[in-house]
Amino acid sequence: QKAMTNPRMQAIIRQNVHPDATIVSVENVN
């Protein structure tokens, strides 16, 4: 939960993967 919501990690993901990239969560799966 900390990793999914950590603003610093989210910043690295946005900068190096995609600005709107997110970790796949239960809401994203069937």
ModelCIF file with pLDDT and N, C-alpha, C, O atoms, coordinates in Angstrom:
data_MODEL
#
_entry.id   MODEL 
#
_entity.id                         1 
_entity.type                       polymer 
_entity.pdbx_number_of_molecules   1 
#
_entity_poly.entity_id                      1 
_entity_poly.type                           'polypeptide(L)' 
_entity_poly.nstd_linkage                   no 
_entity_poly.nstd_monomer                   no 
_entity_poly.pdbx_seq_one_letter_code       QKAMTNPRMQAIIRQNVHPDATIVSVENVN 
_entity_poly.pdbx_seq_one_letter_code_can   QKAMTNPRMQAIIRQNVHPDATIVSVENVN 
_entity_poly.pdbx_strand_id                 A 
#
loop_
_entity_poly_seq.entity_id 
_entity_poly_seq.num 
_entity_poly_seq.mon_id 
_entity_poly_seq.hetero 
1 1  GLN n 
1 2  LYS n 
1 3  ALA n 
1 4  MET n 
1 5  THR n 
1 6  ASN n 
1 7  PRO n 
1 8  ARG n 
1 9  MET n 
1 10 GLN n 
1 11 ALA n 
1 12 ILE n 
1 13 ILE n 
1 14 ARG n 
1 15 GLN n 
1 16 ASN n 
1 17 VAL n 
1 18 HIS n 
1 19 PRO n 
1 20 ASP n 
1 21 ALA n 
1 22 THR n 
1 23 ILE n 
1 24 VAL n 
1 25 SER n 
1 26 VAL n 
1 27 GLU n 
1 28 ASN n 
1 29 VAL n 
1 30 ASN n 
#
_struct_asym.id          A 
_struct_asym.entity_id   1 
#
loop_
_ma_qa_metric.id 
_ma_qa_metric.mode 
_ma_qa_metric.name 
_ma_qa_metric.software_group_id 
_ma_qa_metric.type 
1 global pLDDT . pLDDT 
2 local  pLDDT . pLDDT 
#
_ma_qa_metric_global.metric_id      1 
_ma_qa_metric_global.metric_value   79.73 
_ma_qa_metric_global.model_id       1 
_ma_qa_metric_global.ordinal_id     1 
#
loop_
_ma_qa_metric_local.label_asym_id 
_ma_qa_metric_local.label_comp_id 
_ma_qa_metric_local.label_seq_id 
_ma_qa_metric_local.metric_id 
_ma_qa_metric_local.metric_value 
_ma_qa_metric_local.model_id 
_ma_qa_metric_local.ordinal_id 
A GLN 1  2 69.00 1 1  
A LYS 2  2 70.00 1 2  
A ALA 3  2 68.00 1 3  
A MET 4  2 68.00 1 4  
A THR 5  2 70.00 1 5  
A ASN 6  2 63.00 1 6  
A PRO 7  2 67.00 1 7  
A ARG 8  2 64.00 1 8  
A MET 9  2 67.00 1 9  
A GLN 10 2 74.00 1 10 
A ALA 11 2 71.00 1 11 
A ILE 12 2 73.00 1 12 
A ILE 13 2 81.00 1 13 
A ARG 14 2 80.00 1 14 
A GLN 15 2 81.00 1 15 
A ASN 16 2 84.00 1 16 
A VAL 17 2 88.00 1 17 
A HIS 18 2 89.00 1 18 
A PRO 19 2 89.00 1 19 
A ASP 20 2 90.00 1 20 
A ALA 21 2 90.00 1 21 
A THR 22 2 86.00 1 22 
A ILE 23 2 88.00 1 23 
A VAL 24 2 90.00 1 24 
A SER 25 2 87.00 1 25 
A VAL 26 2 87.00 1 26 
A GLU 27 2 88.00 1 27 
A ASN 28 2 89.00 1 28 
A VAL 29 2 90.00 1 29 
A ASN 30 2 91.00 1 30 
#
loop_
_atom_site.group_PDB 
_atom_site.id 
_atom_site.type_symbol 
_atom_site.label_atom_id 
_atom_site.label_alt_id 
_atom_site.label_comp_id 
_atom_site.label_asym_id 
_atom_site.label_entity_id 
_atom_site.label_seq_id 
_atom_site.pdbx_PDB_ins_code 
_atom_site.Cartn_x 
_atom_site.Cartn_y 
_atom_site.Cartn_z 
_atom_site.occupancy 
_atom_site.B_iso_or_equiv 
_atom_site.pdbx_formal_charge 
_atom_site.auth_seq_id 
_atom_site.auth_comp_id 
_atom_site.auth_asym_id 
_atom_site.auth_atom_id 
_atom_site.pdbx_PDB_model_num 
ATOM 1   N N  . GLN A 1 1  ? 0.822   -1.197 0.000   1.00 69.00 ? 1  GLN A N  1 
ATOM 2   C CA . GLN A 1 1  ? 0.000   0.000  0.000   1.00 69.00 ? 1  GLN A CA 1 
ATOM 3   C C  . GLN A 1 1  ? 0.864   1.258  0.000   1.00 69.00 ? 1  GLN A C  1 
ATOM 4   O O  . GLN A 1 1  ? 0.553   2.226  -0.693  1.00 69.00 ? 1  GLN A O  1 
ATOM 5   N N  . LYS A 1 2  ? 1.954   1.245  0.780   1.00 70.00 ? 2  LYS A N  1 
ATOM 6   C CA . LYS A 1 2  ? 2.851   2.393  0.800   1.00 70.00 ? 2  LYS A CA 1 
ATOM 7   C C  . LYS A 1 2  ? 3.486   2.617  -0.561  1.00 70.00 ? 2  LYS A C  1 
ATOM 8   O O  . LYS A 1 2  ? 3.602   3.750  -1.027  1.00 70.00 ? 2  LYS A O  1 
ATOM 9   N N  . ALA A 1 3  ? 3.900   1.518  -1.199  1.00 68.00 ? 3  ALA A N  1 
ATOM 10  C CA . ALA A 1 3  ? 4.537   1.634  -2.512  1.00 68.00 ? 3  ALA A CA 1 
ATOM 11  C C  . ALA A 1 3  ? 3.564   2.170  -3.554  1.00 68.00 ? 3  ALA A C  1 
ATOM 12  O O  . ALA A 1 3  ? 3.951   2.975  -4.401  1.00 68.00 ? 3  ALA A O  1 
ATOM 13  N N  . MET A 1 4  ? 2.302   1.733  -3.503  1.00 68.00 ? 4  MET A N  1 
ATOM 14  C CA . MET A 1 4  ? 1.321   2.152  -4.493  1.00 68.00 ? 4  MET A CA 1 
ATOM 15  C C  . MET A 1 4  ? 0.974   3.629  -4.357  1.00 68.00 ? 4  MET A C  1 
ATOM 16  O O  . MET A 1 4  ? 0.639   4.278  -5.348  1.00 68.00 ? 4  MET A O  1 
ATOM 17  N N  . THR A 1 5  ? 1.049   4.167  -3.145  1.00 70.00 ? 5  THR A N  1 
ATOM 18  C CA . THR A 1 5  ? 0.626   5.542  -2.910  1.00 70.00 ? 5  THR A CA 1 
ATOM 19  C C  . THR A 1 5  ? 1.784   6.497  -2.655  1.00 70.00 ? 5  THR A C  1 
ATOM 20  O O  . THR A 1 5  ? 1.566   7.699  -2.498  1.00 70.00 ? 5  THR A O  1 
ATOM 21  N N  . ASN A 1 6  ? 3.014   5.982  -2.610  1.00 63.00 ? 6  ASN A N  1 
ATOM 22  C CA . ASN A 1 6  ? 4.168   6.822  -2.304  1.00 63.00 ? 6  ASN A CA 1 
ATOM 23  C C  . ASN A 1 6  ? 4.387   7.846  -3.423  1.00 63.00 ? 6  ASN A C  1 
ATOM 24  O O  . ASN A 1 6  ? 4.603   7.455  -4.570  1.00 63.00 ? 6  ASN A O  1 
ATOM 25  N N  . PRO A 1 7  ? 4.338   9.146  -3.115  1.00 67.00 ? 7  PRO A N  1 
ATOM 26  C CA . PRO A 1 7  ? 4.448   10.157 -4.171  1.00 67.00 ? 7  PRO A CA 1 
ATOM 27  C C  . PRO A 1 7  ? 5.788   10.153 -4.884  1.00 67.00 ? 7  PRO A C  1 
ATOM 28  O O  . PRO A 1 7  ? 5.860   10.471 -6.071  1.00 67.00 ? 7  PRO A O  1 
ATOM 29  N N  . ARG A 1 8  ? 6.863   9.791  -4.165  1.00 64.00 ? 8  ARG A N  1 
ATOM 30  C CA . ARG A 1 8  ? 8.174   9.767  -4.800  1.00 64.00 ? 8  ARG A CA 1 
ATOM 31  C C  . ARG A 1 8  ? 8.264   8.641  -5.829  1.00 64.00 ? 8  ARG A C  1 
ATOM 32  O O  . ARG A 1 8  ? 8.773   8.842  -6.932  1.00 64.00 ? 8  ARG A O  1 
ATOM 33  N N  . MET A 1 9  ? 7.768   7.454  -5.463  1.00 67.00 ? 9  MET A N  1 
ATOM 34  C CA . MET A 1 9  ? 7.784   6.349  -6.410  1.00 67.00 ? 9  MET A CA 1 
ATOM 35  C C  . MET A 1 9  ? 6.908   6.660  -7.622  1.00 67.00 ? 9  MET A C  1 
ATOM 36  O O  . MET A 1 9  ? 7.274   6.368  -8.761  1.00 67.00 ? 9  MET A O  1 
ATOM 37  N N  . GLN A 1 10 ? 5.751   7.255  -7.358  1.00 74.00 ? 10 GLN A N  1 
ATOM 38  C CA . GLN A 1 10 ? 4.869   7.619  -8.460  1.00 74.00 ? 10 GLN A CA 1 
ATOM 39  C C  . GLN A 1 10 ? 5.553   8.615  -9.391  1.00 74.00 ? 10 GLN A C  1 
ATOM 40  O O  . GLN A 1 10 ? 5.358   8.560  -10.605 1.00 74.00 ? 10 GLN A O  1 
ATOM 41  N N  . ALA A 1 11 ? 6.344   9.517  -8.841  1.00 71.00 ? 11 ALA A N  1 
ATOM 42  C CA . ALA A 1 11 ? 7.050   10.492 -9.673  1.00 71.00 ? 11 ALA A CA 1 
ATOM 43  C C  . ALA A 1 11 ? 8.059   9.811  -10.589 1.00 71.00 ? 11 ALA A C  1 
ATOM 44  O O  . ALA A 1 11 ? 8.176   10.159 -11.764 1.00 71.00 ? 11 ALA A O  1 
ATOM 45  N N  . ILE A 1 12 ? 8.795   8.827  -10.037 1.00 73.00 ? 12 ILE A N  1 
ATOM 46  C CA . ILE A 1 12 ? 9.772   8.093  -10.847 1.00 73.00 ? 12 ILE A CA 1 
ATOM 47  C C  . ILE A 1 12 ? 9.069   7.313  -11.956 1.00 73.00 ? 12 ILE A C  1 
ATOM 48  O O  . ILE A 1 12 ? 9.542   7.284  -13.092 1.00 73.00 ? 12 ILE A O  1 
ATOM 49  N N  . ILE A 1 13 ? 7.946   6.686  -11.631 1.00 81.00 ? 13 ILE A N  1 
ATOM 50  C CA . ILE A 1 13 ? 7.187   5.942  -12.643 1.00 81.00 ? 13 ILE A CA 1 
ATOM 51  C C  . ILE A 1 13 ? 6.713   6.879  -13.747 1.00 81.00 ? 13 ILE A C  1 
ATOM 52  O O  . ILE A 1 13 ? 6.811   6.550  -14.929 1.00 81.00 ? 13 ILE A O  1 
ATOM 53  N N  . ARG A 1 14 ? 6.204   8.036  -13.367 1.00 80.00 ? 14 ARG A N  1 
ATOM 54  C CA . ARG A 1 14 ? 5.711   8.993  -14.376 1.00 80.00 ? 14 ARG A CA 1 
ATOM 55  C C  . ARG A 1 14 ? 6.834   9.490  -15.268 1.00 80.00 ? 14 ARG A C  1 
ATOM 56  O O  . ARG A 1 14 ? 6.652   9.657  -16.474 1.00 80.00 ? 14 ARG A O  1 
ATOM 57  N N  . GLN A 1 15 ? 8.002   9.725  -14.669 1.00 81.00 ? 15 GLN A N  1 
ATOM 58  C CA . GLN A 1 15 ? 9.114   10.274 -15.436 1.00 81.00 ? 15 GLN A CA 1 
ATOM 59  C C  . GLN A 1 15 ? 9.758   9.260  -16.369 1.00 81.00 ? 15 GLN A C  1 
ATOM 60  O O  . GLN A 1 15 ? 10.223  9.623  -17.449 1.00 81.00 ? 15 GLN A O  1 
ATOM 61  N N  . ASN A 1 16 ? 9.793   7.987  -15.964 1.00 84.00 ? 16 ASN A N  1 
ATOM 62  C CA . ASN A 1 16 ? 10.559  6.992  -16.704 1.00 84.00 ? 16 ASN A CA 1 
ATOM 63  C C  . ASN A 1 16 ? 9.721   5.954  -17.439 1.00 84.00 ? 16 ASN A C  1 
ATOM 64  O O  . ASN A 1 16 ? 10.252  5.168  -18.222 1.00 84.00 ? 16 ASN A O  1 
ATOM 65  N N  . VAL A 1 17 ? 8.420   5.947  -17.191 1.00 88.00 ? 17 VAL A N  1 
ATOM 66  C CA . VAL A 1 17 ? 7.535   5.034  -17.909 1.00 88.00 ? 17 VAL A CA 1 
ATOM 67  C C  . VAL A 1 17 ? 6.523   5.829  -18.722 1.00 88.00 ? 17 VAL A C  1 
ATOM 68  O O  . VAL A 1 17 ? 6.526   5.770  -19.952 1.00 88.00 ? 17 VAL A O  1 
ATOM 69  N N  . HIS A 1 18 ? 5.659   6.572  -18.040 1.00 89.00 ? 18 HIS A N  1 
ATOM 70  C CA . HIS A 1 18 ? 4.644   7.395  -18.704 1.00 89.00 ? 18 HIS A CA 1 
ATOM 71  C C  . HIS A 1 18 ? 4.070   8.347  -17.666 1.00 89.00 ? 18 HIS A C  1 
ATOM 72  O O  . HIS A 1 18 ? 3.930   7.972  -16.501 1.00 89.00 ? 18 HIS A O  1 
ATOM 73  N N  . PRO A 1 19 ? 3.733   9.583  -18.068 1.00 89.00 ? 19 PRO A N  1 
ATOM 74  C CA . PRO A 1 19 ? 3.197   10.538 -17.095 1.00 89.00 ? 19 PRO A CA 1 
ATOM 75  C C  . PRO A 1 19 ? 1.945   10.059 -16.370 1.00 89.00 ? 19 PRO A C  1 
ATOM 76  O O  . PRO A 1 19 ? 1.696   10.456 -15.232 1.00 89.00 ? 19 PRO A O  1 
ATOM 77  N N  . ASP A 1 20 ? 1.153   9.202  -17.029 1.00 90.00 ? 20 ASP A N  1 
ATOM 78  C CA . ASP A 1 20 ? -0.084  8.723  -16.422 1.00 90.00 ? 20 ASP A CA 1 
ATOM 79  C C  . ASP A 1 20 ? -0.035  7.238  -16.053 1.00 90.00 ? 20 ASP A C  1 
ATOM 80  O O  . ASP A 1 20 ? -1.080  6.605  -15.900 1.00 90.00 ? 20 ASP A O  1 
ATOM 81  N N  . ALA A 1 21 ? 1.166   6.682  -15.909 1.00 90.00 ? 21 ALA A N  1 
ATOM 82  C CA . ALA A 1 21 ? 1.295   5.263  -15.568 1.00 90.00 ? 21 ALA A CA 1 
ATOM 83  C C  . ALA A 1 21 ? 0.889   5.016  -14.117 1.00 90.00 ? 21 ALA A C  1 
ATOM 84  O O  . ALA A 1 21 ? 1.177   5.822  -13.232 1.00 90.00 ? 21 ALA A O  1 
ATOM 85  N N  . THR A 1 22 ? 0.221   3.895  -13.889 1.00 86.00 ? 22 THR A N  1 
ATOM 86  C CA . THR A 1 22 ? -0.181  3.502  -12.544 1.00 86.00 ? 22 THR A CA 1 
ATOM 87  C C  . THR A 1 22 ? 0.067   2.008  -12.359 1.00 86.00 ? 22 THR A C  1 
ATOM 88  O O  . THR A 1 22 ? 0.125   1.253  -13.329 1.00 86.00 ? 22 THR A O  1 
ATOM 89  N N  . ILE A 1 23 ? 0.212   1.594  -11.107 1.00 88.00 ? 23 ILE A N  1 
ATOM 90  C CA . ILE A 1 23 ? 0.356   0.179  -10.795 1.00 88.00 ? 23 ILE A CA 1 
ATOM 91  C C  . ILE A 1 23 ? -1.001  -0.501 -10.952 1.00 88.00 ? 23 ILE A C  1 
ATOM 92  O O  . ILE A 1 23 ? -2.009  0.015  -10.468 1.00 88.00 ? 23 ILE A O  1 
ATOM 93  N N  . VAL A 1 24 ? -1.041  -1.639 -11.614 1.00 90.00 ? 24 VAL A N  1 
ATOM 94  C CA . VAL A 1 24 ? -2.288  -2.380 -11.801 1.00 90.00 ? 24 VAL A CA 1 
ATOM 95  C C  . VAL A 1 24 ? -2.868  -2.730 -10.437 1.00 90.00 ? 24 VAL A C  1 
ATOM 96  O O  . VAL A 1 24 ? -2.176  -3.284 -9.582  1.00 90.00 ? 24 VAL A O  1 
ATOM 97  N N  . SER A 1 25 ? -4.133  -2.405 -10.240 1.00 87.00 ? 25 SER A N  1 
ATOM 98  C CA . SER A 1 25 ? -4.813  -2.651 -8.969  1.00 87.00 ? 25 SER A CA 1 
ATOM 99  C C  . SER A 1 25 ? -6.031  -3.533 -9.197  1.00 87.00 ? 25 SER A C  1 
ATOM 100 O O  . SER A 1 25 ? -6.318  -3.921 -10.329 1.00 87.00 ? 25 SER A O  1 
ATOM 101 N N  . VAL A 1 26 ? -6.744  -3.849 -8.131  1.00 87.00 ? 26 VAL A N  1 
ATOM 102 C CA . VAL A 1 26 ? -7.911  -4.725 -8.261  1.00 87.00 ? 26 VAL A CA 1 
ATOM 103 C C  . VAL A 1 26 ? -8.986  -4.106 -9.143  1.00 87.00 ? 26 VAL A C  1 
ATOM 104 O O  . VAL A 1 26 ? -9.764  -4.824 -9.771  1.00 87.00 ? 26 VAL A O  1 
ATOM 105 N N  . GLU A 1 27 ? -9.033  -2.780 -9.195  1.00 88.00 ? 27 GLU A N  1 
ATOM 106 C CA . GLU A 1 27 ? -10.039 -2.115 -10.030 1.00 88.00 ? 27 GLU A CA 1 
ATOM 107 C C  . GLU A 1 27 ? -9.768  -2.315 -11.516 1.00 88.00 ? 27 GLU A C  1 
ATOM 108 O O  . GLU A 1 27 ? -10.673 -2.158 -12.336 1.00 88.00 ? 27 GLU A O  1 
ATOM 109 N N  . ASN A 1 28 ? -8.522  -2.663 -11.875 1.00 89.00 ? 28 ASN A N  1 
ATOM 110 C CA . ASN A 1 28 ? -8.147  -2.801 -13.279 1.00 89.00 ? 28 ASN A CA 1 
ATOM 111 C C  . ASN A 1 28 ? -8.342  -4.195 -13.838 1.00 89.00 ? 28 ASN A C  1 
ATOM 112 O O  . ASN A 1 28 ? -8.259  -4.382 -15.051 1.00 89.00 ? 28 ASN A O  1 
ATOM 113 N N  . VAL A 1 29 ? -8.604  -5.194 -12.977 1.00 90.00 ? 29 VAL A N  1 
ATOM 114 C CA . VAL A 1 29 ? -8.674  -6.577 -13.443 1.00 90.00 ? 29 VAL A CA 1 
ATOM 115 C C  . VAL A 1 29 ? -10.125 -7.044 -13.535 1.00 90.00 ? 29 VAL A C  1 
ATOM 116 O O  . VAL A 1 29 ? -11.039 -6.390 -13.034 1.00 90.00 ? 29 VAL A O  1 
ATOM 117 N N  . ASN A 1 30 ? -10.311 -8.179 -14.182 1.00 91.00 ? 30 ASN A N  1 
ATOM 118 C CA . ASN A 1 30 ? -11.675 -8.657 -14.410 1.00 91.00 ? 30 ASN A CA 1 
ATOM 119 C C  . ASN A 1 30 ? -12.296 -9.197 -13.112 1.00 91.00 ? 30 ASN A C  1 
ATOM 120 O O  . ASN A 1 30 ? -13.444 -9.642 -13.116 1.00 91.00 ? 30 ASN A O  1 
#
